[in-house]
Amino acid sequence: MDTLRSWLDQYDYFILFFTLMTELIILTLPGELLMSYAGFLVSEGKLNWLVSILVAGLGSSIGITFTYLIGFHYGAPFLKKHGQRVHLGPDKFEKASQWFEKQGNKVLLITYFIPGVRHISGYFSGITKIPYRIFAIYAYTGALIWTSTFITIGKFLGPKWEEFHASVKKYLLIGGIIIAIIMTVIYLIRTQKEKIHNR
C-alpha cells in the first residue's frame, strides 16, 4: 500500500484510475484504502474532489465492464463444464443464475462494498446475460456510490483517514452483507410462494 500511496502522490489521477480498474478485474488491490487516501489528498488541496470521484468511478466502471464482457462471452460454458471444481455444479449454477437474473441488477448497487463479491459480480452479470443497458445503469451507479463514499470519507476525516478506515470499512461490509442476506431471504420467500401457487 505504501508504494501505491507514493505513486498516487506522484501520478495522482492516473494511479487512482488504473488501480480501481484493475481491482475490479479480480486483482485484490486495496481500493477502499487508496480512495480514502485520495480523499485525504483532496482535504490537503492536492486533488480535486469531483475529479477524483469521476476518475475513480470511470476506472471502476471500465473494470467491471471488462469482467461483464468476459462473463457474457465465455463464462457460462466454462462454469457448466468446470463448475463442480468450485462447488458450483449445474443445479447450483442454475439457481444462482435465476437469482441473479431477478436480483442481480439491484445487487450491483451494493456489491462494491463487499470485498470478494464485487470481483465476481461483473462476471456473473455477463454469465446470466443481464442486458448491457440494465447492467450499465446499476453497475455504473454503484461504482459512483462506492467511489464517492470512500473519497468523501477520506476528505472529511483528513489526517485521521487511516485511523478510522478499518472501522468504516468493517461497518460498510457488515451493512452490505445484511442487505445481501435480506435480498436472498426475499428471493427464497418469493420462490416458495411461486412453488405453492404452481401446485
N, C-alpha and C. Protein backbone atom coordinates (compact mmCIF):
# COMPACT_ATOMS: atom_id res chain seq x y z
N MET A 1 0.82 -1.20 0.00
CA MET A 1 0.00 0.00 0.00
C MET A 1 0.86 1.26 0.00
N ASP A 2 2.01 1.22 0.72
CA ASP A 2 2.89 2.39 0.76
C ASP A 2 3.36 2.78 -0.64
N THR A 3 3.62 1.75 -1.47
CA THR A 3 4.04 2.01 -2.85
C THR A 3 2.93 2.70 -3.63
N LEU A 4 1.70 2.20 -3.49
CA LEU A 4 0.57 2.81 -4.18
C LEU A 4 0.35 4.25 -3.73
N ARG A 5 0.52 4.48 -2.44
CA ARG A 5 0.36 5.84 -1.92
C ARG A 5 1.41 6.78 -2.49
N SER A 6 2.64 6.29 -2.57
CA SER A 6 3.69 7.15 -3.14
C SER A 6 3.45 7.40 -4.63
N TRP A 7 2.92 6.38 -5.33
CA TRP A 7 2.59 6.57 -6.76
C TRP A 7 1.44 7.56 -6.91
N LEU A 8 0.45 7.45 -6.00
CA LEU A 8 -0.68 8.38 -6.05
C LEU A 8 -0.20 9.81 -5.81
N ASP A 9 0.77 9.96 -4.91
CA ASP A 9 1.35 11.29 -4.67
C ASP A 9 1.99 11.86 -5.93
N GLN A 10 2.60 10.96 -6.72
CA GLN A 10 3.34 11.41 -7.91
C GLN A 10 2.46 11.51 -9.15
N TYR A 11 1.62 10.49 -9.35
CA TYR A 11 0.87 10.39 -10.61
C TYR A 11 -0.63 10.61 -10.44
N ASP A 12 -1.05 10.93 -9.26
CA ASP A 12 -2.41 11.22 -8.83
C ASP A 12 -3.52 10.50 -9.59
N TYR A 13 -4.21 11.16 -10.50
CA TYR A 13 -5.43 10.61 -11.08
C TYR A 13 -5.20 9.34 -11.90
N PHE A 14 -4.06 9.24 -12.56
CA PHE A 14 -3.78 8.04 -13.37
C PHE A 14 -3.72 6.81 -12.48
N ILE A 15 -3.04 6.89 -11.34
CA ILE A 15 -2.93 5.75 -10.42
C ILE A 15 -4.30 5.42 -9.84
N LEU A 16 -5.08 6.44 -9.52
CA LEU A 16 -6.43 6.22 -8.99
C LEU A 16 -7.28 5.47 -10.02
N PHE A 17 -7.23 5.90 -11.25
CA PHE A 17 -7.99 5.26 -12.34
C PHE A 17 -7.51 3.82 -12.56
N PHE A 18 -6.21 3.64 -12.71
CA PHE A 18 -5.65 2.33 -13.05
C PHE A 18 -5.87 1.32 -11.93
N THR A 19 -5.69 1.75 -10.68
CA THR A 19 -5.86 0.83 -9.54
C THR A 19 -7.31 0.37 -9.42
N LEU A 20 -8.24 1.30 -9.55
CA LEU A 20 -9.66 0.93 -9.43
C LEU A 20 -10.11 0.05 -10.60
N MET A 21 -9.56 0.30 -11.78
CA MET A 21 -9.92 -0.52 -12.94
C MET A 21 -9.41 -1.96 -12.75
N THR A 22 -8.14 -2.11 -12.39
CA THR A 22 -7.57 -3.46 -12.23
C THR A 22 -8.13 -4.17 -11.01
N GLU A 23 -8.52 -3.41 -9.99
CA GLU A 23 -9.09 -4.03 -8.79
C GLU A 23 -10.38 -4.77 -9.11
N LEU A 24 -11.14 -4.25 -10.06
CA LEU A 24 -12.40 -4.90 -10.45
C LEU A 24 -12.18 -6.08 -11.38
N ILE A 25 -10.97 -6.25 -11.89
CA ILE A 25 -10.68 -7.41 -12.74
C ILE A 25 -10.01 -8.47 -11.88
N ILE A 26 -10.50 -8.61 -10.68
CA ILE A 26 -10.18 -9.63 -9.68
C ILE A 26 -8.77 -9.54 -9.10
N LEU A 27 -8.05 -8.45 -9.36
CA LEU A 27 -6.79 -8.23 -8.67
C LEU A 27 -7.13 -7.57 -7.33
N THR A 28 -6.76 -8.22 -6.25
CA THR A 28 -7.18 -7.74 -4.93
C THR A 28 -6.26 -6.62 -4.45
N LEU A 29 -6.44 -5.46 -5.05
CA LEU A 29 -5.73 -4.27 -4.63
C LEU A 29 -6.58 -3.53 -3.59
N PRO A 30 -5.94 -2.76 -2.70
CA PRO A 30 -6.70 -2.08 -1.63
C PRO A 30 -7.43 -0.85 -2.13
N GLY A 31 -8.52 -1.07 -2.87
CA GLY A 31 -9.26 0.03 -3.49
C GLY A 31 -9.80 1.04 -2.50
N GLU A 32 -10.46 0.54 -1.44
CA GLU A 32 -11.06 1.46 -0.46
C GLU A 32 -9.99 2.29 0.24
N LEU A 33 -8.88 1.64 0.59
CA LEU A 33 -7.80 2.34 1.28
C LEU A 33 -7.22 3.44 0.40
N LEU A 34 -7.02 3.11 -0.88
CA LEU A 34 -6.47 4.10 -1.81
C LEU A 34 -7.44 5.27 -2.00
N MET A 35 -8.73 4.97 -2.10
CA MET A 35 -9.72 6.04 -2.27
C MET A 35 -9.79 6.93 -1.03
N SER A 36 -9.69 6.32 0.15
CA SER A 36 -9.69 7.11 1.38
C SER A 36 -8.47 8.03 1.42
N TYR A 37 -7.33 7.50 0.98
CA TYR A 37 -6.12 8.32 0.93
C TYR A 37 -6.27 9.44 -0.10
N ALA A 38 -6.91 9.13 -1.23
CA ALA A 38 -7.19 10.17 -2.23
C ALA A 38 -8.06 11.26 -1.62
N GLY A 39 -9.02 10.86 -0.80
CA GLY A 39 -9.86 11.83 -0.11
C GLY A 39 -9.04 12.72 0.83
N PHE A 40 -8.07 12.11 1.50
CA PHE A 40 -7.16 12.89 2.35
C PHE A 40 -6.39 13.91 1.51
N LEU A 41 -5.92 13.49 0.32
CA LEU A 41 -5.22 14.42 -0.57
C LEU A 41 -6.14 15.54 -1.03
N VAL A 42 -7.43 15.22 -1.19
CA VAL A 42 -8.42 16.26 -1.52
C VAL A 42 -8.48 17.29 -0.39
N SER A 43 -8.51 16.78 0.85
CA SER A 43 -8.58 17.70 2.00
C SER A 43 -7.33 18.57 2.10
N GLU A 44 -6.22 18.07 1.56
CA GLU A 44 -4.96 18.83 1.56
C GLU A 44 -4.88 19.78 0.37
N GLY A 45 -5.86 19.70 -0.53
CA GLY A 45 -5.86 20.56 -1.71
C GLY A 45 -4.98 20.06 -2.84
N LYS A 46 -4.54 18.79 -2.75
CA LYS A 46 -3.64 18.23 -3.78
C LYS A 46 -4.42 17.55 -4.91
N LEU A 47 -5.65 17.17 -4.63
CA LEU A 47 -6.52 16.59 -5.65
C LEU A 47 -7.87 17.31 -5.59
N ASN A 48 -8.60 17.25 -6.70
CA ASN A 48 -9.94 17.82 -6.76
C ASN A 48 -10.95 16.74 -6.40
N TRP A 49 -11.90 17.07 -5.52
CA TRP A 49 -12.87 16.09 -5.02
C TRP A 49 -13.71 15.49 -6.15
N LEU A 50 -14.33 16.33 -6.97
CA LEU A 50 -15.21 15.84 -8.03
C LEU A 50 -14.44 15.07 -9.09
N VAL A 51 -13.27 15.57 -9.48
CA VAL A 51 -12.46 14.88 -10.49
C VAL A 51 -12.02 13.52 -9.96
N SER A 52 -11.65 13.45 -8.69
CA SER A 52 -11.22 12.18 -8.09
C SER A 52 -12.34 11.15 -8.15
N ILE A 53 -13.57 11.57 -7.82
CA ILE A 53 -14.72 10.66 -7.86
C ILE A 53 -14.98 10.19 -9.28
N LEU A 54 -14.96 11.12 -10.23
CA LEU A 54 -15.23 10.77 -11.63
C LEU A 54 -14.16 9.84 -12.19
N VAL A 55 -12.89 10.10 -11.87
CA VAL A 55 -11.79 9.26 -12.36
C VAL A 55 -11.88 7.87 -11.75
N ALA A 56 -12.10 7.80 -10.42
CA ALA A 56 -12.22 6.50 -9.75
C ALA A 56 -13.45 5.75 -10.24
N GLY A 57 -14.56 6.47 -10.42
CA GLY A 57 -15.79 5.85 -10.93
C GLY A 57 -15.61 5.31 -12.34
N LEU A 58 -14.89 6.07 -13.17
CA LEU A 58 -14.64 5.62 -14.55
C LEU A 58 -13.77 4.38 -14.57
N GLY A 59 -12.72 4.37 -13.75
CA GLY A 59 -11.85 3.20 -13.67
C GLY A 59 -12.61 1.97 -13.22
N SER A 60 -13.45 2.13 -12.19
CA SER A 60 -14.26 1.01 -11.69
C SER A 60 -15.24 0.52 -12.75
N SER A 61 -15.85 1.46 -13.44
CA SER A 61 -16.84 1.11 -14.47
C SER A 61 -16.20 0.35 -15.62
N ILE A 62 -15.02 0.77 -16.05
CA ILE A 62 -14.32 0.06 -17.13
C ILE A 62 -13.92 -1.33 -16.67
N GLY A 63 -13.43 -1.44 -15.42
CA GLY A 63 -13.02 -2.74 -14.90
C GLY A 63 -14.17 -3.73 -14.83
N ILE A 64 -15.32 -3.30 -14.30
CA ILE A 64 -16.46 -4.22 -14.17
C ILE A 64 -17.08 -4.52 -15.54
N THR A 65 -16.98 -3.58 -16.47
CA THR A 65 -17.47 -3.83 -17.83
C THR A 65 -16.63 -4.91 -18.51
N PHE A 66 -15.34 -4.87 -18.28
CA PHE A 66 -14.43 -5.88 -18.84
C PHE A 66 -14.82 -7.27 -18.33
N THR A 67 -15.07 -7.38 -17.02
CA THR A 67 -15.45 -8.68 -16.47
C THR A 67 -16.83 -9.11 -16.96
N TYR A 68 -17.72 -8.15 -17.14
CA TYR A 68 -19.05 -8.45 -17.68
C TYR A 68 -18.93 -9.07 -19.08
N LEU A 69 -18.08 -8.49 -19.92
CA LEU A 69 -17.90 -8.99 -21.29
C LEU A 69 -17.28 -10.38 -21.30
N ILE A 70 -16.34 -10.62 -20.39
CA ILE A 70 -15.74 -11.96 -20.29
C ILE A 70 -16.82 -12.96 -19.89
N GLY A 71 -17.59 -12.60 -18.87
CA GLY A 71 -18.66 -13.50 -18.41
C GLY A 71 -19.70 -13.74 -19.48
N PHE A 72 -20.04 -12.68 -20.22
CA PHE A 72 -21.07 -12.77 -21.25
C PHE A 72 -20.65 -13.71 -22.39
N HIS A 73 -19.39 -13.61 -22.81
CA HIS A 73 -18.93 -14.37 -23.98
C HIS A 73 -18.34 -15.74 -23.63
N TYR A 74 -17.76 -15.88 -22.43
CA TYR A 74 -17.04 -17.12 -22.13
C TYR A 74 -17.46 -17.81 -20.83
N GLY A 75 -18.17 -17.10 -19.96
CA GLY A 75 -18.39 -17.59 -18.61
C GLY A 75 -19.25 -18.82 -18.46
N ALA A 76 -20.43 -18.83 -19.05
CA ALA A 76 -21.38 -19.93 -18.83
C ALA A 76 -20.84 -21.29 -19.29
N PRO A 77 -20.30 -21.42 -20.50
CA PRO A 77 -19.77 -22.73 -20.90
C PRO A 77 -18.67 -23.23 -19.97
N PHE A 78 -17.82 -22.32 -19.53
CA PHE A 78 -16.71 -22.71 -18.66
C PHE A 78 -17.24 -23.21 -17.32
N LEU A 79 -18.19 -22.47 -16.72
CA LEU A 79 -18.72 -22.86 -15.41
C LEU A 79 -19.54 -24.14 -15.49
N LYS A 80 -20.27 -24.30 -16.58
CA LYS A 80 -21.05 -25.53 -16.73
C LYS A 80 -20.14 -26.74 -16.85
N LYS A 81 -18.96 -26.54 -17.42
CA LYS A 81 -18.01 -27.64 -17.61
C LYS A 81 -17.16 -27.88 -16.37
N HIS A 82 -16.73 -26.81 -15.72
CA HIS A 82 -15.78 -26.94 -14.61
C HIS A 82 -16.34 -26.46 -13.27
N GLY A 83 -17.62 -26.13 -13.23
CA GLY A 83 -18.21 -25.57 -12.01
C GLY A 83 -18.12 -26.47 -10.79
N GLN A 84 -18.14 -27.80 -10.99
CA GLN A 84 -18.07 -28.73 -9.86
C GLN A 84 -16.80 -28.53 -9.05
N ARG A 85 -15.74 -28.11 -9.71
CA ARG A 85 -14.45 -27.92 -9.02
C ARG A 85 -14.50 -26.77 -8.03
N VAL A 86 -15.40 -25.84 -8.23
CA VAL A 86 -15.53 -24.70 -7.31
C VAL A 86 -16.89 -24.75 -6.60
N HIS A 87 -17.42 -25.98 -6.44
CA HIS A 87 -18.69 -26.21 -5.74
C HIS A 87 -19.84 -25.43 -6.37
N LEU A 88 -19.82 -25.33 -7.70
CA LEU A 88 -20.89 -24.66 -8.42
C LEU A 88 -21.33 -25.57 -9.56
N GLY A 89 -21.97 -26.68 -9.18
CA GLY A 89 -22.45 -27.63 -10.16
C GLY A 89 -23.62 -27.09 -10.95
N PRO A 90 -24.12 -27.86 -11.91
CA PRO A 90 -25.22 -27.40 -12.78
C PRO A 90 -26.44 -26.90 -12.02
N ASP A 91 -26.86 -27.63 -10.96
CA ASP A 91 -28.05 -27.23 -10.20
C ASP A 91 -27.82 -25.89 -9.50
N LYS A 92 -26.68 -25.78 -8.81
CA LYS A 92 -26.38 -24.53 -8.10
C LYS A 92 -26.19 -23.38 -9.09
N PHE A 93 -25.58 -23.70 -10.23
CA PHE A 93 -25.36 -22.67 -11.23
C PHE A 93 -26.69 -22.12 -11.73
N GLU A 94 -27.64 -23.03 -12.00
CA GLU A 94 -28.95 -22.60 -12.49
C GLU A 94 -29.70 -21.77 -11.44
N LYS A 95 -29.63 -22.21 -10.18
CA LYS A 95 -30.30 -21.46 -9.10
C LYS A 95 -29.68 -20.07 -8.94
N ALA A 96 -28.33 -20.04 -8.96
CA ALA A 96 -27.64 -18.76 -8.83
C ALA A 96 -27.96 -17.86 -10.02
N SER A 97 -28.06 -18.46 -11.20
CA SER A 97 -28.38 -17.68 -12.40
C SER A 97 -29.77 -17.08 -12.31
N GLN A 98 -30.74 -17.90 -11.86
CA GLN A 98 -32.11 -17.41 -11.72
C GLN A 98 -32.18 -16.29 -10.69
N TRP A 99 -31.45 -16.47 -9.57
CA TRP A 99 -31.44 -15.44 -8.54
C TRP A 99 -30.84 -14.14 -9.07
N PHE A 100 -29.72 -14.28 -9.81
CA PHE A 100 -29.05 -13.08 -10.30
C PHE A 100 -29.86 -12.40 -11.39
N GLU A 101 -30.59 -13.18 -12.18
CA GLU A 101 -31.44 -12.59 -13.20
C GLU A 101 -32.55 -11.74 -12.58
N LYS A 102 -33.05 -12.18 -11.41
CA LYS A 102 -34.13 -11.44 -10.75
C LYS A 102 -33.61 -10.31 -9.86
N GLN A 103 -32.48 -10.55 -9.19
CA GLN A 103 -31.99 -9.59 -8.20
C GLN A 103 -30.65 -8.96 -8.58
N GLY A 104 -29.97 -9.51 -9.57
CA GLY A 104 -28.60 -9.10 -9.86
C GLY A 104 -28.41 -7.63 -10.12
N ASN A 105 -29.34 -7.03 -10.89
CA ASN A 105 -29.17 -5.61 -11.20
C ASN A 105 -29.22 -4.76 -9.94
N LYS A 106 -30.09 -5.11 -8.98
CA LYS A 106 -30.17 -4.35 -7.73
C LYS A 106 -28.94 -4.61 -6.87
N VAL A 107 -28.48 -5.86 -6.86
CA VAL A 107 -27.33 -6.22 -6.05
C VAL A 107 -26.08 -5.47 -6.51
N LEU A 108 -26.01 -5.14 -7.79
CA LEU A 108 -24.84 -4.43 -8.31
C LEU A 108 -24.61 -3.09 -7.62
N LEU A 109 -25.66 -2.53 -7.03
CA LEU A 109 -25.52 -1.26 -6.33
C LEU A 109 -24.72 -1.39 -5.04
N ILE A 110 -24.73 -2.59 -4.44
CA ILE A 110 -24.07 -2.75 -3.14
C ILE A 110 -22.88 -3.69 -3.17
N THR A 111 -22.70 -4.47 -4.24
CA THR A 111 -21.62 -5.45 -4.25
C THR A 111 -20.24 -4.81 -4.15
N TYR A 112 -20.11 -3.57 -4.57
CA TYR A 112 -18.82 -2.90 -4.47
C TYR A 112 -18.34 -2.82 -3.03
N PHE A 113 -19.27 -2.76 -2.10
CA PHE A 113 -18.91 -2.61 -0.69
C PHE A 113 -18.56 -3.95 -0.03
N ILE A 114 -18.68 -5.04 -0.78
CA ILE A 114 -18.38 -6.36 -0.22
C ILE A 114 -17.16 -6.95 -0.93
N PRO A 115 -15.98 -6.90 -0.28
CA PRO A 115 -14.77 -7.45 -0.90
C PRO A 115 -14.97 -8.90 -1.31
N GLY A 116 -14.48 -9.25 -2.46
CA GLY A 116 -14.66 -10.62 -2.97
C GLY A 116 -15.89 -10.73 -3.83
N VAL A 117 -17.02 -10.19 -3.37
CA VAL A 117 -18.26 -10.25 -4.14
C VAL A 117 -18.18 -9.32 -5.34
N ARG A 118 -17.63 -8.11 -5.13
CA ARG A 118 -17.55 -7.17 -6.25
C ARG A 118 -16.66 -7.70 -7.37
N HIS A 119 -15.74 -8.60 -7.03
CA HIS A 119 -14.83 -9.12 -8.05
C HIS A 119 -15.49 -10.15 -8.96
N ILE A 120 -16.61 -10.71 -8.53
CA ILE A 120 -17.31 -11.71 -9.37
C ILE A 120 -18.63 -11.19 -9.91
N SER A 121 -19.10 -10.04 -9.40
CA SER A 121 -20.43 -9.56 -9.82
C SER A 121 -20.48 -9.24 -11.31
N GLY A 122 -19.40 -8.68 -11.85
CA GLY A 122 -19.37 -8.39 -13.28
C GLY A 122 -19.40 -9.65 -14.11
N TYR A 123 -18.58 -10.63 -13.72
CA TYR A 123 -18.56 -11.90 -14.44
C TYR A 123 -19.94 -12.54 -14.42
N PHE A 124 -20.58 -12.57 -13.24
CA PHE A 124 -21.87 -13.24 -13.12
C PHE A 124 -22.96 -12.47 -13.83
N SER A 125 -22.83 -11.16 -13.89
CA SER A 125 -23.80 -10.36 -14.66
C SER A 125 -23.75 -10.77 -16.13
N GLY A 126 -22.55 -10.99 -16.63
CA GLY A 126 -22.39 -11.42 -18.02
C GLY A 126 -22.84 -12.84 -18.24
N ILE A 127 -22.50 -13.71 -17.30
CA ILE A 127 -22.87 -15.12 -17.41
C ILE A 127 -24.38 -15.29 -17.47
N THR A 128 -25.10 -14.52 -16.66
CA THR A 128 -26.56 -14.64 -16.61
C THR A 128 -27.25 -13.78 -17.67
N LYS A 129 -26.43 -13.17 -18.54
CA LYS A 129 -26.95 -12.44 -19.71
C LYS A 129 -27.85 -11.27 -19.34
N ILE A 130 -27.51 -10.58 -18.25
CA ILE A 130 -28.23 -9.34 -17.95
C ILE A 130 -27.99 -8.38 -19.11
N PRO A 131 -29.02 -7.79 -19.68
CA PRO A 131 -28.83 -6.86 -20.79
C PRO A 131 -27.83 -5.75 -20.43
N TYR A 132 -26.97 -5.41 -21.37
CA TYR A 132 -25.92 -4.44 -21.07
C TYR A 132 -26.48 -3.12 -20.54
N ARG A 133 -27.58 -2.65 -21.11
CA ARG A 133 -28.15 -1.37 -20.69
C ARG A 133 -28.53 -1.40 -19.21
N ILE A 134 -29.17 -2.49 -18.78
CA ILE A 134 -29.56 -2.64 -17.38
C ILE A 134 -28.31 -2.76 -16.51
N PHE A 135 -27.37 -3.60 -16.96
CA PHE A 135 -26.12 -3.77 -16.23
C PHE A 135 -25.43 -2.43 -16.03
N ALA A 136 -25.34 -1.65 -17.11
CA ALA A 136 -24.62 -0.37 -17.07
C ALA A 136 -25.26 0.60 -16.09
N ILE A 137 -26.57 0.69 -16.09
CA ILE A 137 -27.26 1.62 -15.20
C ILE A 137 -26.92 1.33 -13.74
N TYR A 138 -27.05 0.06 -13.35
CA TYR A 138 -26.82 -0.30 -11.95
C TYR A 138 -25.33 -0.37 -11.60
N ALA A 139 -24.53 -0.96 -12.49
CA ALA A 139 -23.10 -1.11 -12.19
C ALA A 139 -22.39 0.23 -12.13
N TYR A 140 -22.70 1.13 -13.04
CA TYR A 140 -22.01 2.42 -13.06
C TYR A 140 -22.51 3.33 -11.94
N THR A 141 -23.80 3.22 -11.62
CA THR A 141 -24.32 3.97 -10.47
C THR A 141 -23.67 3.47 -9.19
N GLY A 142 -23.57 2.14 -9.06
CA GLY A 142 -22.91 1.55 -7.89
C GLY A 142 -21.46 1.98 -7.77
N ALA A 143 -20.78 2.06 -8.92
CA ALA A 143 -19.38 2.49 -8.91
C ALA A 143 -19.24 3.91 -8.40
N LEU A 144 -20.13 4.79 -8.82
CA LEU A 144 -20.07 6.18 -8.36
C LEU A 144 -20.41 6.29 -6.87
N ILE A 145 -21.37 5.48 -6.40
CA ILE A 145 -21.72 5.49 -4.97
C ILE A 145 -20.52 5.02 -4.14
N TRP A 146 -19.90 3.93 -4.61
CA TRP A 146 -18.75 3.35 -3.89
C TRP A 146 -17.57 4.32 -3.83
N THR A 147 -17.19 4.85 -4.99
CA THR A 147 -16.03 5.74 -5.03
C THR A 147 -16.29 7.05 -4.29
N SER A 148 -17.47 7.61 -4.46
CA SER A 148 -17.77 8.88 -3.79
C SER A 148 -17.82 8.69 -2.27
N THR A 149 -18.29 7.53 -1.81
CA THR A 149 -18.36 7.26 -0.38
C THR A 149 -16.97 7.30 0.26
N PHE A 150 -16.05 6.52 -0.30
CA PHE A 150 -14.73 6.42 0.33
C PHE A 150 -13.88 7.67 0.13
N ILE A 151 -13.98 8.30 -1.02
CA ILE A 151 -13.23 9.53 -1.25
C ILE A 151 -13.75 10.64 -0.34
N THR A 152 -15.06 10.70 -0.18
CA THR A 152 -15.65 11.71 0.69
C THR A 152 -15.30 11.45 2.16
N ILE A 153 -15.31 10.20 2.57
CA ILE A 153 -14.90 9.86 3.93
C ILE A 153 -13.47 10.34 4.19
N GLY A 154 -12.57 10.03 3.25
CA GLY A 154 -11.18 10.48 3.39
C GLY A 154 -11.07 11.99 3.44
N LYS A 155 -11.90 12.66 2.65
CA LYS A 155 -11.89 14.13 2.60
C LYS A 155 -12.29 14.73 3.95
N PHE A 156 -13.35 14.20 4.55
CA PHE A 156 -13.84 14.76 5.79
C PHE A 156 -13.00 14.35 7.01
N LEU A 157 -12.42 13.15 6.94
CA LEU A 157 -11.58 12.72 8.06
C LEU A 157 -10.21 13.40 8.04
N GLY A 158 -9.75 13.78 6.86
CA GLY A 158 -8.46 14.46 6.75
C GLY A 158 -7.33 13.61 7.28
N PRO A 159 -6.48 14.15 8.15
CA PRO A 159 -5.33 13.39 8.67
C PRO A 159 -5.71 12.13 9.43
N LYS A 160 -6.97 12.03 9.88
CA LYS A 160 -7.40 10.86 10.64
C LYS A 160 -7.97 9.75 9.75
N TRP A 161 -7.85 9.91 8.42
CA TRP A 161 -8.47 8.96 7.50
C TRP A 161 -8.01 7.53 7.75
N GLU A 162 -6.71 7.33 8.00
CA GLU A 162 -6.18 5.97 8.16
C GLU A 162 -6.61 5.36 9.49
N GLU A 163 -6.70 6.21 10.52
CA GLU A 163 -7.08 5.75 11.86
C GLU A 163 -8.49 5.15 11.86
N PHE A 164 -9.40 5.75 11.10
CA PHE A 164 -10.79 5.30 11.10
C PHE A 164 -11.14 4.40 9.93
N HIS A 165 -10.19 4.20 9.02
CA HIS A 165 -10.50 3.44 7.80
C HIS A 165 -11.00 2.03 8.10
N ALA A 166 -10.28 1.32 8.99
CA ALA A 166 -10.64 -0.08 9.27
C ALA A 166 -12.06 -0.18 9.81
N SER A 167 -12.45 0.74 10.71
CA SER A 167 -13.79 0.71 11.29
C SER A 167 -14.85 1.01 10.26
N VAL A 168 -14.61 2.02 9.44
CA VAL A 168 -15.57 2.41 8.40
C VAL A 168 -15.78 1.26 7.42
N LYS A 169 -14.67 0.67 7.00
CA LYS A 169 -14.75 -0.45 6.04
C LYS A 169 -15.52 -1.62 6.65
N LYS A 170 -15.27 -1.89 7.94
CA LYS A 170 -15.94 -3.01 8.60
C LYS A 170 -17.45 -2.80 8.63
N TYR A 171 -17.90 -1.60 9.00
CA TYR A 171 -19.33 -1.34 9.09
C TYR A 171 -20.01 -1.34 7.72
N LEU A 172 -19.30 -0.84 6.70
CA LEU A 172 -19.85 -0.89 5.35
C LEU A 172 -19.98 -2.33 4.87
N LEU A 173 -18.98 -3.15 5.21
CA LEU A 173 -19.02 -4.56 4.85
C LEU A 173 -20.19 -5.26 5.52
N ILE A 174 -20.36 -5.01 6.82
CA ILE A 174 -21.47 -5.62 7.56
C ILE A 174 -22.81 -5.19 6.96
N GLY A 175 -22.94 -3.88 6.66
CA GLY A 175 -24.17 -3.38 6.05
C GLY A 175 -24.45 -4.03 4.71
N GLY A 176 -23.42 -4.18 3.88
CA GLY A 176 -23.59 -4.82 2.57
C GLY A 176 -24.02 -6.26 2.70
N ILE A 177 -23.44 -6.99 3.66
CA ILE A 177 -23.79 -8.39 3.88
C ILE A 177 -25.24 -8.50 4.36
N ILE A 178 -25.65 -7.62 5.26
CA ILE A 178 -27.02 -7.64 5.77
C ILE A 178 -28.02 -7.42 4.63
N ILE A 179 -27.72 -6.44 3.77
CA ILE A 179 -28.61 -6.17 2.63
C ILE A 179 -28.67 -7.38 1.71
N ALA A 180 -27.52 -8.00 1.44
CA ALA A 180 -27.48 -9.18 0.57
C ALA A 180 -28.30 -10.33 1.17
N ILE A 181 -28.20 -10.51 2.50
CA ILE A 181 -28.97 -11.57 3.17
C ILE A 181 -30.46 -11.29 3.06
N ILE A 182 -30.85 -10.04 3.27
CA ILE A 182 -32.27 -9.66 3.18
C ILE A 182 -32.81 -9.95 1.79
N MET A 183 -32.02 -9.58 0.75
CA MET A 183 -32.47 -9.80 -0.63
C MET A 183 -32.56 -11.30 -0.94
N THR A 184 -31.64 -12.09 -0.36
CA THR A 184 -31.68 -13.54 -0.57
C THR A 184 -32.92 -14.13 0.08
N VAL A 185 -33.22 -13.68 1.29
CA VAL A 185 -34.41 -14.17 2.01
C VAL A 185 -35.68 -13.82 1.23
N ILE A 186 -35.75 -12.59 0.72
CA ILE A 186 -36.91 -12.16 -0.07
C ILE A 186 -37.05 -13.05 -1.31
N TYR A 187 -35.92 -13.35 -1.96
CA TYR A 187 -35.96 -14.21 -3.14
C TYR A 187 -36.46 -15.61 -2.79
N LEU A 188 -35.97 -16.17 -1.67
CA LEU A 188 -36.39 -17.52 -1.26
C LEU A 188 -37.88 -17.55 -0.93
N ILE A 189 -38.37 -16.51 -0.27
CA ILE A 189 -39.80 -16.44 0.07
C ILE A 189 -40.64 -16.39 -1.21
N ARG A 190 -40.22 -15.56 -2.17
CA ARG A 190 -40.95 -15.47 -3.44
C ARG A 190 -40.93 -16.79 -4.19
N THR A 191 -39.78 -17.46 -4.16
CA THR A 191 -39.66 -18.75 -4.84
C THR A 191 -40.61 -19.78 -4.24
N GLN A 192 -40.69 -19.81 -2.90
CA GLN A 192 -41.58 -20.75 -2.24
C GLN A 192 -43.04 -20.45 -2.55
N LYS A 193 -43.38 -19.16 -2.61
CA LYS A 193 -44.75 -18.77 -2.94
C LYS A 193 -45.11 -19.21 -4.36
N GLU A 194 -44.15 -19.06 -5.28
CA GLU A 194 -44.39 -19.47 -6.67
C GLU A 194 -44.60 -20.98 -6.76
N LYS A 195 -43.84 -21.74 -5.96
CA LYS A 195 -44.00 -23.20 -5.96
C LYS A 195 -45.36 -23.59 -5.42
N ILE A 196 -45.81 -22.88 -4.38
CA ILE A 196 -47.12 -23.18 -3.77
C ILE A 196 -48.24 -22.86 -4.77
N HIS A 197 -48.12 -21.72 -5.46
CA HIS A 197 -49.15 -21.34 -6.44
C HIS A 197 -49.18 -22.27 -7.65
N ASN A 198 -48.02 -22.85 -7.99
CA ASN A 198 -47.93 -23.73 -9.16
C ASN A 198 -48.46 -25.14 -8.87
N ARG A 199 -48.65 -25.45 -7.61
CA ARG A 199 -49.14 -26.79 -7.28
C ARG A 199 -50.63 -26.92 -7.51
